[in-house]
Amino acid sequence: SRWGGDEFVVLLPGYSAGEASEVANIIINQQHSLIVLGSGHELFVSCS
């Protein structure tokens, strides 16, 4: 879900914090690829 501004919240039912940390790591690694905006600008974005 979009929580507001540039913040998102992900609900992981049935997950422990350890399992959720694995998902967080997958999300972070997903950000290493290039993002091309509709305007043609290219960005590498990270998240916390």
All heavy atoms as atom14 arrays in JSON, in Angstrom:
{
  "sequence": "SRWGGDEFVVLLPGYSAGEASEVANIIINQQHSLIVLGSGHELFVSCS",
  "atom14_mask": [
    [1, 1, 1, 1, 1, 1, 0, 0, 0, 0, 0, 0, 0, 0],
    [1, 1, 1, 1, 1, 1, 1, 1, 1, 1, 1, 0, 0, 0],
    [1, 1, 1, 1, 1, 1, 1, 1, 1, 1, 1, 1, 1, 1],
    [1, 1, 1, 1, 0, 0, 0, 0, 0, 0, 0, 0, 0, 0],
    [1, 1, 1, 1, 0, 0, 0, 0, 0, 0, 0, 0, 0, 0],
    [1, 1, 1, 1, 1, 1, 1, 1, 0, 0, 0, 0, 0, 0],
    [1, 1, 1, 1, 1, 1, 1, 1, 1, 0, 0, 0, 0, 0],
    [1, 1, 1, 1, 1, 1, 1, 1, 1, 1, 1, 0, 0, 0],
    [1, 1, 1, 1, 1, 1, 1, 0, 0, 0, 0, 0, 0, 0],
    [1, 1, 1, 1, 1, 1, 1, 0, 0, 0, 0, 0, 0, 0],
    [1, 1, 1, 1, 1, 1, 1, 1, 0, 0, 0, 0, 0, 0],
    [1, 1, 1, 1, 1, 1, 1, 1, 0, 0, 0, 0, 0, 0],
    [1, 1, 1, 1, 1, 1, 1, 0, 0, 0, 0, 0, 0, 0],
    [1, 1, 1, 1, 0, 0, 0, 0, 0, 0, 0, 0, 0, 0],
    [1, 1, 1, 1, 1, 1, 1, 1, 1, 1, 1, 1, 0, 0],
    [1, 1, 1, 1, 1, 1, 0, 0, 0, 0, 0, 0, 0, 0],
    [1, 1, 1, 1, 1, 0, 0, 0, 0, 0, 0, 0, 0, 0],
    [1, 1, 1, 1, 0, 0, 0, 0, 0, 0, 0, 0, 0, 0],
    [1, 1, 1, 1, 1, 1, 1, 1, 1, 0, 0, 0, 0, 0],
    [1, 1, 1, 1, 1, 0, 0, 0, 0, 0, 0, 0, 0, 0],
    [1, 1, 1, 1, 1, 1, 0, 0, 0, 0, 0, 0, 0, 0],
    [1, 1, 1, 1, 1, 1, 1, 1, 1, 0, 0, 0, 0, 0],
    [1, 1, 1, 1, 1, 1, 1, 0, 0, 0, 0, 0, 0, 0],
    [1, 1, 1, 1, 1, 0, 0, 0, 0, 0, 0, 0, 0, 0],
    [1, 1, 1, 1, 1, 1, 1, 1, 0, 0, 0, 0, 0, 0],
    [1, 1, 1, 1, 1, 1, 1, 1, 0, 0, 0, 0, 0, 0],
    [1, 1, 1, 1, 1, 1, 1, 1, 0, 0, 0, 0, 0, 0],
    [1, 1, 1, 1, 1, 1, 1, 1, 0, 0, 0, 0, 0, 0],
    [1, 1, 1, 1, 1, 1, 1, 1, 0, 0, 0, 0, 0, 0],
    [1, 1, 1, 1, 1, 1, 1, 1, 1, 0, 0, 0, 0, 0],
    [1, 1, 1, 1, 1, 1, 1, 1, 1, 0, 0, 0, 0, 0],
    [1, 1, 1, 1, 1, 1, 1, 1, 1, 1, 0, 0, 0, 0],
    [1, 1, 1, 1, 1, 1, 0, 0, 0, 0, 0, 0, 0, 0],
    [1, 1, 1, 1, 1, 1, 1, 1, 0, 0, 0, 0, 0, 0],
    [1, 1, 1, 1, 1, 1, 1, 1, 0, 0, 0, 0, 0, 0],
    [1, 1, 1, 1, 1, 1, 1, 0, 0, 0, 0, 0, 0, 0],
    [1, 1, 1, 1, 1, 1, 1, 1, 0, 0, 0, 0, 0, 0],
    [1, 1, 1, 1, 0, 0, 0, 0, 0, 0, 0, 0, 0, 0],
    [1, 1, 1, 1, 1, 1, 0, 0, 0, 0, 0, 0, 0, 0],
    [1, 1, 1, 1, 0, 0, 0, 0, 0, 0, 0, 0, 0, 0],
    [1, 1, 1, 1, 1, 1, 1, 1, 1, 1, 0, 0, 0, 0],
    [1, 1, 1, 1, 1, 1, 1, 1, 1, 0, 0, 0, 0, 0],
    [1, 1, 1, 1, 1, 1, 1, 1, 0, 0, 0, 0, 0, 0],
    [1, 1, 1, 1, 1, 1, 1, 1, 1, 1, 1, 0, 0, 0],
    [1, 1, 1, 1, 1, 1, 1, 0, 0, 0, 0, 0, 0, 0],
    [1, 1, 1, 1, 1, 1, 0, 0, 0, 0, 0, 0, 0, 0],
    [1, 1, 1, 1, 1, 1, 0, 0, 0, 0, 0, 0, 0, 0],
    [1, 1, 1, 1, 1, 1, 0, 0, 0, 0, 0, 0, 0, 0]
  ],
  "atom14_positions": [
    [[0.84, -1.2, 0.0], [0.0, 0.0, 0.0], [0.87, 1.24, 0.0], [2.02, 1.22, 0.41], [-0.92, 0.01, 1.22], [-0.16, 0.25, 2.38], [0.0, 0.0, 0.0], [0.0, 0.0, 0.0], [0.0, 0.0, 0.0], [0.0, 0.0, 0.0], [0.0, 0.0, 0.0], [0.0, 0.0, 0.0], [0.0, 0.0, 0.0], [0.0, 0.0, 0.0]],
    [[0.28, 2.3, -0.47], [0.95, 3.61, -0.43], [0.55, 4.25, 0.87], [-0.63, 4.46, 1.15], [0.5, 4.45, -1.62], [0.94, 5.9, -1.53], [2.05, 6.2, -2.52], [2.48, 7.58, -2.45], [1.95, 8.57, -3.13], [0.96, 8.34, -3.97], [2.41, 9.8, -3.01], [0.0, 0.0, 0.0], [0.0, 0.0, 0.0], [0.0, 0.0, 0.0]],
    [[1.52, 4.52, 1.71], [1.24, 5.1, 3.02], [1.15, 6.62, 2.93], [0.37, 7.25, 3.61], [2.31, 4.67, 4.02], [1.95, 4.95, 5.42], [2.5, 5.88, 6.24], [0.93, 4.31, 6.19], [1.9, 5.86, 7.46], [0.93, 4.9, 7.46], [0.01, 3.3, 5.93], [0.06, 4.52, 8.47], [-0.85, 2.9, 6.93], [-0.82, 3.51, 8.18]],
    [[1.95, 7.22, 2.08], [1.94, 8.67, 1.91], [3.28, 9.13, 1.39], [4.3, 8.49, 1.63], [0.0, 0.0, 0.0], [0.0, 0.0, 0.0], [0.0, 0.0, 0.0], [0.0, 0.0, 0.0], [0.0, 0.0, 0.0], [0.0, 0.0, 0.0], [0.0, 0.0, 0.0], [0.0, 0.0, 0.0], [0.0, 0.0, 0.0], [0.0, 0.0, 0.0]],
    [[3.29, 10.24, 0.66], [4.54, 10.78, 0.14], [5.3, 9.72, -0.63], [4.8, 9.15, -1.59], [0.0, 0.0, 0.0], [0.0, 0.0, 0.0], [0.0, 0.0, 0.0], [0.0, 0.0, 0.0], [0.0, 0.0, 0.0], [0.0, 0.0, 0.0], [0.0, 0.0, 0.0], [0.0, 0.0, 0.0], [0.0, 0.0, 0.0], [0.0, 0.0, 0.0]],
    [[6.5, 9.44, -0.18], [7.35, 8.43, -0.84], [7.47, 7.18, 0.04], [8.48, 6.5, 0.02], [8.73, 9.01, -1.14], [9.47, 9.46, 0.11], [8.82, 9.74, 1.13], [10.71, 9.53, 0.08], [0.0, 0.0, 0.0], [0.0, 0.0, 0.0], [0.0, 0.0, 0.0], [0.0, 0.0, 0.0], [0.0, 0.0, 0.0], [0.0, 0.0, 0.0]],
    [[6.41, 6.89, 0.78], [6.42, 5.77, 1.71], [5.37, 4.73, 1.34], [4.24, 5.06, 0.97], [6.18, 6.27, 3.13], [7.25, 7.23, 3.58], [6.91, 7.99, 4.84], [5.72, 8.2, 5.12], [7.85, 8.37, 5.55], [0.0, 0.0, 0.0], [0.0, 0.0, 0.0], [0.0, 0.0, 0.0], [0.0, 0.0, 0.0], [0.0, 0.0, 0.0]],
    [[5.78, 3.48, 1.47], [4.91, 2.34, 1.21], [4.95, 1.43, 2.44], [5.95, 1.37, 3.14], [5.41, 1.54, 0.0], [5.46, 2.34, -1.27], [6.6, 3.07, -1.6], [4.39, 2.37, -2.14], [6.66, 3.81, -2.77], [4.44, 3.11, -3.31], [5.57, 3.83, -3.63], [0.0, 0.0, 0.0], [0.0, 0.0, 0.0], [0.0, 0.0, 0.0]],
    [[3.85, 0.71, 2.67], [3.81, -0.29, 3.73], [3.42, -1.6, 3.09], [2.48, -1.67, 2.3], [2.83, 0.09, 4.86], [2.71, -1.05, 5.87], [3.29, 1.36, 5.57], [0.0, 0.0, 0.0], [0.0, 0.0, 0.0], [0.0, 0.0, 0.0], [0.0, 0.0, 0.0], [0.0, 0.0, 0.0], [0.0, 0.0, 0.0], [0.0, 0.0, 0.0]],
    [[4.17, -2.66, 3.43], [3.91, -3.99, 2.91], [3.47, -4.87, 4.07], [4.17, -4.98, 5.07], [5.17, -4.59, 2.25], [4.88, -5.97, 1.68], [5.72, -3.66, 1.17], [0.0, 0.0, 0.0], [0.0, 0.0, 0.0], [0.0, 0.0, 0.0], [0.0, 0.0, 0.0], [0.0, 0.0, 0.0], [0.0, 0.0, 0.0], [0.0, 0.0, 0.0]],
    [[2.3, -5.48, 3.93], [1.76, -6.4, 4.93], [2.07, -7.82, 4.49], [1.73, -8.21, 3.37], [0.25, -6.2, 5.06], [-0.54, -7.25, 5.84], [-0.05, -7.36, 7.27], [-2.02, -6.93, 5.79], [0.0, 0.0, 0.0], [0.0, 0.0, 0.0], [0.0, 0.0, 0.0], [0.0, 0.0, 0.0], [0.0, 0.0, 0.0], [0.0, 0.0, 0.0]],
    [[2.73, -8.57, 5.37], [3.14, -9.95, 5.07], [2.51, -10.9, 6.09], [3.12, -11.21, 7.13], [4.67, -10.06, 5.09], [5.41, -9.13, 4.12], [6.9, -9.1, 4.43], [5.17, -9.56, 2.69], [0.0, 0.0, 0.0], [0.0, 0.0, 0.0], [0.0, 0.0, 0.0], [0.0, 0.0, 0.0], [0.0, 0.0, 0.0], [0.0, 0.0, 0.0]],
    [[1.28, -11.36, 5.85], [0.62, -12.25, 6.81], [1.33, -13.59, 6.9], [1.74, -14.16, 5.9], [-0.8, -12.41, 6.26], [-0.81, -11.79, 4.91], [0.45, -11.05, 4.7], [0.0, 0.0, 0.0], [0.0, 0.0, 0.0], [0.0, 0.0, 0.0], [0.0, 0.0, 0.0], [0.0, 0.0, 0.0], [0.0, 0.0, 0.0], [0.0, 0.0, 0.0]],
    [[1.49, -14.07, 8.14], [2.13, -15.36, 8.37], [3.64, -15.32, 8.38], [4.29, -16.35, 8.57], [0.0, 0.0, 0.0], [0.0, 0.0, 0.0], [0.0, 0.0, 0.0], [0.0, 0.0, 0.0], [0.0, 0.0, 0.0], [0.0, 0.0, 0.0], [0.0, 0.0, 0.0], [0.0, 0.0, 0.0], [0.0, 0.0, 0.0], [0.0, 0.0, 0.0]],
    [[4.24, -14.17, 8.18], [5.7, -14.04, 8.12], [6.26, -13.69, 9.49], [5.69, -12.88, 10.22], [6.12, -12.91, 7.18], [6.01, -13.22, 5.71], [4.78, -13.44, 5.11], [7.14, -13.25, 4.91], [4.68, -13.69, 3.75], [7.06, -13.5, 3.55], [5.82, -13.72, 2.98], [5.74, -13.96, 1.64], [0.0, 0.0, 0.0], [0.0, 0.0, 0.0]],
    [[7.4, -14.26, 9.81], [8.18, -13.81, 10.97], [9.02, -12.62, 10.53], [9.14, -12.34, 9.33], [9.08, -14.94, 11.46], [10.1, -15.19, 10.49], [0.0, 0.0, 0.0], [0.0, 0.0, 0.0], [0.0, 0.0, 0.0], [0.0, 0.0, 0.0], [0.0, 0.0, 0.0], [0.0, 0.0, 0.0], [0.0, 0.0, 0.0], [0.0, 0.0, 0.0]],
    [[9.65, -11.96, 11.49], [10.53, -10.83, 11.14], [11.7, -11.3, 10.29], [12.13, -10.61, 9.38], [11.02, -10.13, 12.4], [0.0, 0.0, 0.0], [0.0, 0.0, 0.0], [0.0, 0.0, 0.0], [0.0, 0.0, 0.0], [0.0, 0.0, 0.0], [0.0, 0.0, 0.0], [0.0, 0.0, 0.0], [0.0, 0.0, 0.0], [0.0, 0.0, 0.0]],
    [[12.19, -12.5, 10.55], [13.29, -13.05, 9.76], [12.89, -13.28, 8.31], [13.64, -12.93, 7.39], [0.0, 0.0, 0.0], [0.0, 0.0, 0.0], [0.0, 0.0, 0.0], [0.0, 0.0, 0.0], [0.0, 0.0, 0.0], [0.0, 0.0, 0.0], [0.0, 0.0, 0.0], [0.0, 0.0, 0.0], [0.0, 0.0, 0.0], [0.0, 0.0, 0.0]],
    [[11.72, -13.86, 8.1], [11.22, -14.08, 6.74], [10.94, -12.75, 6.04], [11.21, -12.6, 4.86], [9.96, -14.95, 6.78], [10.22, -16.36, 7.27], [8.95, -17.1, 7.65], [7.96, -16.46, 8.09], [8.94, -18.34, 7.51], [0.0, 0.0, 0.0], [0.0, 0.0, 0.0], [0.0, 0.0, 0.0], [0.0, 0.0, 0.0], [0.0, 0.0, 0.0]],
    [[10.4, -11.8, 6.8], [10.13, -10.48, 6.23], [11.43, -9.78, 5.84], [11.47, -9.05, 4.85], [9.34, -9.64, 7.22], [0.0, 0.0, 0.0], [0.0, 0.0, 0.0], [0.0, 0.0, 0.0], [0.0, 0.0, 0.0], [0.0, 0.0, 0.0], [0.0, 0.0, 0.0], [0.0, 0.0, 0.0], [0.0, 0.0, 0.0], [0.0, 0.0, 0.0]],
    [[12.48, -10.0, 6.6], [13.79, -9.42, 6.28], [14.29, -9.94, 4.94], [14.93, -9.2, 4.18], [14.8, -9.71, 7.38], [14.42, -9.07, 8.58], [0.0, 0.0, 0.0], [0.0, 0.0, 0.0], [0.0, 0.0, 0.0], [0.0, 0.0, 0.0], [0.0, 0.0, 0.0], [0.0, 0.0, 0.0], [0.0, 0.0, 0.0], [0.0, 0.0, 0.0]],
    [[14.01, -11.2, 4.65], [14.38, -11.76, 3.35], [13.64, -11.04, 2.22], [14.22, -10.74, 1.18], [14.1, -13.26, 3.31], [15.0, -14.07, 4.22], [14.63, -15.53, 4.3], [13.92, -16.03, 3.39], [15.03, -16.19, 5.27], [0.0, 0.0, 0.0], [0.0, 0.0, 0.0], [0.0, 0.0, 0.0], [0.0, 0.0, 0.0], [0.0, 0.0, 0.0]],
    [[12.36, -10.76, 2.43], [11.58, -10.02, 1.43], [12.14, -8.61, 1.28], [12.28, -8.09, 0.16], [10.08, -9.98, 1.8], [9.3, -9.09, 0.84], [9.49, -11.39, 1.82], [0.0, 0.0, 0.0], [0.0, 0.0, 0.0], [0.0, 0.0, 0.0], [0.0, 0.0, 0.0], [0.0, 0.0, 0.0], [0.0, 0.0, 0.0], [0.0, 0.0, 0.0]],
    [[12.49, -7.98, 2.4], [13.08, -6.63, 2.35], [14.37, -6.64, 1.53], [14.61, -5.73, 0.72], [13.35, -6.13, 3.77], [0.0, 0.0, 0.0], [0.0, 0.0, 0.0], [0.0, 0.0, 0.0], [0.0, 0.0, 0.0], [0.0, 0.0, 0.0], [0.0, 0.0, 0.0], [0.0, 0.0, 0.0], [0.0, 0.0, 0.0], [0.0, 0.0, 0.0]],
    [[15.16, -7.67, 1.71], [16.41, -7.78, 0.96], [16.13, -7.94, -0.54], [16.83, -7.35, -1.38], [17.24, -8.95, 1.48], [18.68, -8.87, 1.07], [19.26, -7.79, 1.07], [19.24, -9.99, 0.69], [0.0, 0.0, 0.0], [0.0, 0.0, 0.0], [0.0, 0.0, 0.0], [0.0, 0.0, 0.0], [0.0, 0.0, 0.0], [0.0, 0.0, 0.0]],
    [[15.11, -8.69, -0.89], [14.72, -8.85, -2.3], [14.3, -7.5, -2.88], [14.69, -7.13, -3.99], [13.58, -9.89, -2.45], [14.12, -11.29, -2.12], [12.97, -9.85, -3.84], [13.03, -12.34, -1.94], [0.0, 0.0, 0.0], [0.0, 0.0, 0.0], [0.0, 0.0, 0.0], [0.0, 0.0, 0.0], [0.0, 0.0, 0.0], [0.0, 0.0, 0.0]],
    [[13.52, -6.72, -2.12], [13.07, -5.41, -2.58], [14.28, -4.49, -2.8], [14.37, -3.8, -3.82], [12.07, -4.77, -1.59], [10.76, -5.56, -1.59], [11.82, -3.3, -1.93], [9.8, -5.17, -0.49], [0.0, 0.0, 0.0], [0.0, 0.0, 0.0], [0.0, 0.0, 0.0], [0.0, 0.0, 0.0], [0.0, 0.0, 0.0], [0.0, 0.0, 0.0]],
    [[15.21, -4.5, -1.88], [16.4, -3.65, -2.01], [17.22, -4.05, -3.24], [17.66, -3.2, -4.0], [17.24, -3.7, -0.72], [16.5, -2.94, 0.37], [18.64, -3.14, -0.94], [17.02, -3.15, 1.75], [0.0, 0.0, 0.0], [0.0, 0.0, 0.0], [0.0, 0.0, 0.0], [0.0, 0.0, 0.0], [0.0, 0.0, 0.0], [0.0, 0.0, 0.0]],
    [[17.41, -5.36, -3.43], [18.17, -5.82, -4.59], [17.46, -5.49, -5.9], [18.12, -5.25, -6.92], [18.45, -7.32, -4.49], [19.48, -7.63, -3.43], [20.35, -6.81, -3.13], [19.37, -8.8, -2.83], [0.0, 0.0, 0.0], [0.0, 0.0, 0.0], [0.0, 0.0, 0.0], [0.0, 0.0, 0.0], [0.0, 0.0, 0.0], [0.0, 0.0, 0.0]],
    [[16.14, -5.46, -5.89], [15.36, -5.1, -7.09], [15.64, -3.66, -7.52], [15.55, -3.33, -8.69], [13.86, -5.3, -6.78], [12.92, -4.87, -7.86], [12.84, -5.86, -9.0], [13.44, -6.93, -8.97], [12.11, -5.51, -10.02], [0.0, 0.0, 0.0], [0.0, 0.0, 0.0], [0.0, 0.0, 0.0], [0.0, 0.0, 0.0], [0.0, 0.0, 0.0]],
    [[16.02, -2.82, -6.55], [16.22, -1.4, -6.85], [17.55, -1.14, -7.56], [17.8, -0.04, -8.03], [16.16, -0.56, -5.57], [14.89, -0.73, -4.77], [13.63, -0.72, -5.59], [13.45, 0.11, -6.49], [12.74, -1.66, -5.33], [0.0, 0.0, 0.0], [0.0, 0.0, 0.0], [0.0, 0.0, 0.0], [0.0, 0.0, 0.0], [0.0, 0.0, 0.0]],
    [[18.41, -2.14, -7.66], [19.72, -1.93, -8.29], [19.64, -1.79, -9.8], [20.6, -1.39, -10.43], [20.68, -3.05, -7.91], [21.06, -3.02, -6.47], [21.51, -4.12, -5.8], [21.03, -2.03, -5.54], [21.76, -3.81, -4.54], [21.46, -2.54, -4.37], [0.0, 0.0, 0.0], [0.0, 0.0, 0.0], [0.0, 0.0, 0.0], [0.0, 0.0, 0.0]],
    [[18.5, -2.12, -10.38], [18.38, -1.97, -11.83], [17.88, -0.57, -12.18], [17.23, 0.1, -11.38], [17.46, -3.05, -12.42], [16.19, -2.98, -11.83], [0.0, 0.0, 0.0], [0.0, 0.0, 0.0], [0.0, 0.0, 0.0], [0.0, 0.0, 0.0], [0.0, 0.0, 0.0], [0.0, 0.0, 0.0], [0.0, 0.0, 0.0], [0.0, 0.0, 0.0]],
    [[18.2, -0.14, -13.34], [17.9, 1.2, -13.83], [16.4, 1.45, -13.94], [15.65, 0.57, -14.37], [18.55, 1.37, -15.21], [18.42, 2.72, -15.9], [19.23, 3.77, -15.14], [18.92, 2.6, -17.33], [0.0, 0.0, 0.0], [0.0, 0.0, 0.0], [0.0, 0.0, 0.0], [0.0, 0.0, 0.0], [0.0, 0.0, 0.0], [0.0, 0.0, 0.0]],
    [[15.97, 2.64, -13.58], [14.59, 3.09, -13.78], [14.62, 4.16, -14.86], [15.38, 5.12, -14.77], [13.97, 3.66, -12.49], [13.78, 2.55, -11.46], [12.65, 4.35, -12.78], [13.2, 3.02, -10.15], [0.0, 0.0, 0.0], [0.0, 0.0, 0.0], [0.0, 0.0, 0.0], [0.0, 0.0, 0.0], [0.0, 0.0, 0.0], [0.0, 0.0, 0.0]],
    [[13.81, 3.98, -15.88], [13.69, 4.99, -16.94], [12.32, 5.62, -16.81], [11.29, 4.95, -16.94], [13.88, 4.36, -18.34], [13.75, 5.43, -19.41], [15.22, 3.64, -18.44], [0.0, 0.0, 0.0], [0.0, 0.0, 0.0], [0.0, 0.0, 0.0], [0.0, 0.0, 0.0], [0.0, 0.0, 0.0], [0.0, 0.0, 0.0], [0.0, 0.0, 0.0]],
    [[12.31, 6.91, -16.54], [11.05, 7.63, -16.4], [10.48, 7.94, -17.78], [11.2, 7.91, -18.79], [11.27, 8.92, -15.62], [11.82, 8.76, -14.19], [12.01, 10.12, -13.55], [10.91, 7.88, -13.35], [0.0, 0.0, 0.0], [0.0, 0.0, 0.0], [0.0, 0.0, 0.0], [0.0, 0.0, 0.0], [0.0, 0.0, 0.0], [0.0, 0.0, 0.0]],
    [[9.2, 8.25, -17.82], [8.53, 8.57, -19.08], [9.18, 9.75, -19.79], [9.12, 9.85, -21.01], [0.0, 0.0, 0.0], [0.0, 0.0, 0.0], [0.0, 0.0, 0.0], [0.0, 0.0, 0.0], [0.0, 0.0, 0.0], [0.0, 0.0, 0.0], [0.0, 0.0, 0.0], [0.0, 0.0, 0.0], [0.0, 0.0, 0.0], [0.0, 0.0, 0.0]],
    [[9.84, 10.62, -19.04], [10.51, 11.78, -19.61], [11.85, 11.41, -20.26], [12.49, 12.26, -20.88], [10.76, 12.82, -18.52], [11.62, 12.28, -17.52], [0.0, 0.0, 0.0], [0.0, 0.0, 0.0], [0.0, 0.0, 0.0], [0.0, 0.0, 0.0], [0.0, 0.0, 0.0], [0.0, 0.0, 0.0], [0.0, 0.0, 0.0], [0.0, 0.0, 0.0]],
    [[12.26, 10.15, -20.08], [13.54, 9.71, -20.62], [14.68, 9.77, -19.63], [15.77, 9.27, -19.89], [0.0, 0.0, 0.0], [0.0, 0.0, 0.0], [0.0, 0.0, 0.0], [0.0, 0.0, 0.0], [0.0, 0.0, 0.0], [0.0, 0.0, 0.0], [0.0, 0.0, 0.0], [0.0, 0.0, 0.0], [0.0, 0.0, 0.0], [0.0, 0.0, 0.0]],
    [[14.46, 10.38, -18.47], [15.49, 10.44, -17.45], [15.74, 9.05, -16.89], [14.81, 8.28, -16.65], [15.08, 11.39, -16.32], [15.11, 12.81, -16.71], [14.02, 13.47, -17.2], [16.12, 13.72, -16.68], [14.34, 14.72, -17.46], [15.62, 14.89, -17.16], [0.0, 0.0, 0.0], [0.0, 0.0, 0.0], [0.0, 0.0, 0.0], [0.0, 0.0, 0.0]],
    [[17.0, 8.74, -16.67], [17.4, 7.45, -16.12], [17.86, 7.64, -14.68], [18.61, 8.58, -14.38], [18.52, 6.84, -16.95], [18.11, 6.55, -18.38], [19.25, 5.96, -19.21], [20.43, 6.09, -18.8], [18.95, 5.38, -20.25], [0.0, 0.0, 0.0], [0.0, 0.0, 0.0], [0.0, 0.0, 0.0], [0.0, 0.0, 0.0], [0.0, 0.0, 0.0]],
    [[17.41, 6.75, -13.78], [17.73, 6.86, -12.37], [18.09, 5.51, -11.78], [17.55, 4.48, -12.19], [16.51, 7.37, -11.57], [15.88, 8.69, -11.94], [14.59, 8.87, -11.17], [16.83, 9.82, -11.64], [0.0, 0.0, 0.0], [0.0, 0.0, 0.0], [0.0, 0.0, 0.0], [0.0, 0.0, 0.0], [0.0, 0.0, 0.0], [0.0, 0.0, 0.0]],
    [[18.98, 5.53, -10.83], [19.19, 4.39, -9.94], [18.68, 4.86, -8.59], [19.13, 5.89, -8.08], [20.66, 4.0, -9.86], [21.15, 3.29, -11.08], [21.83, 3.99, -12.08], [20.91, 1.94, -11.26], [22.27, 3.35, -13.22], [21.35, 1.28, -12.4], [22.03, 1.99, -13.38], [0.0, 0.0, 0.0], [0.0, 0.0, 0.0], [0.0, 0.0, 0.0]],
    [[17.74, 4.15, -8.04], [17.09, 4.57, -6.8], [17.31, 3.5, -5.75], [17.28, 2.3, -6.05], [15.57, 4.77, -7.04], [14.87, 5.18, -5.76], [15.35, 5.82, -8.12], [0.0, 0.0, 0.0], [0.0, 0.0, 0.0], [0.0, 0.0, 0.0], [0.0, 0.0, 0.0], [0.0, 0.0, 0.0], [0.0, 0.0, 0.0], [0.0, 0.0, 0.0]],
    [[17.5, 3.93, -4.52], [17.6, 3.0, -3.41], [16.45, 3.28, -2.45], [15.76, 4.28, -2.56], [18.95, 3.15, -2.7], [19.09, 4.43, -2.14], [0.0, 0.0, 0.0], [0.0, 0.0, 0.0], [0.0, 0.0, 0.0], [0.0, 0.0, 0.0], [0.0, 0.0, 0.0], [0.0, 0.0, 0.0], [0.0, 0.0, 0.0], [0.0, 0.0, 0.0]],
    [[16.27, 2.37, -1.5], [15.22, 2.57, -0.51], [15.7, 2.07, 0.85], [16.65, 1.3, 0.95], [13.93, 1.89, -0.92], [14.03, 0.11, -1.13], [0.0, 0.0, 0.0], [0.0, 0.0, 0.0], [0.0, 0.0, 0.0], [0.0, 0.0, 0.0], [0.0, 0.0, 0.0], [0.0, 0.0, 0.0], [0.0, 0.0, 0.0], [0.0, 0.0, 0.0]],
    [[15.03, 2.55, 1.88], [15.29, 2.14, 3.25], [14.04, 1.47, 3.77], [12.93, 1.97, 3.56], [15.64, 3.34, 4.12], [16.81, 3.97, 3.63], [0.0, 0.0, 0.0], [0.0, 0.0, 0.0], [0.0, 0.0, 0.0], [0.0, 0.0, 0.0], [0.0, 0.0, 0.0], [0.0, 0.0, 0.0], [0.0, 0.0, 0.0], [0.0, 0.0, 0.0]]
  ]
}
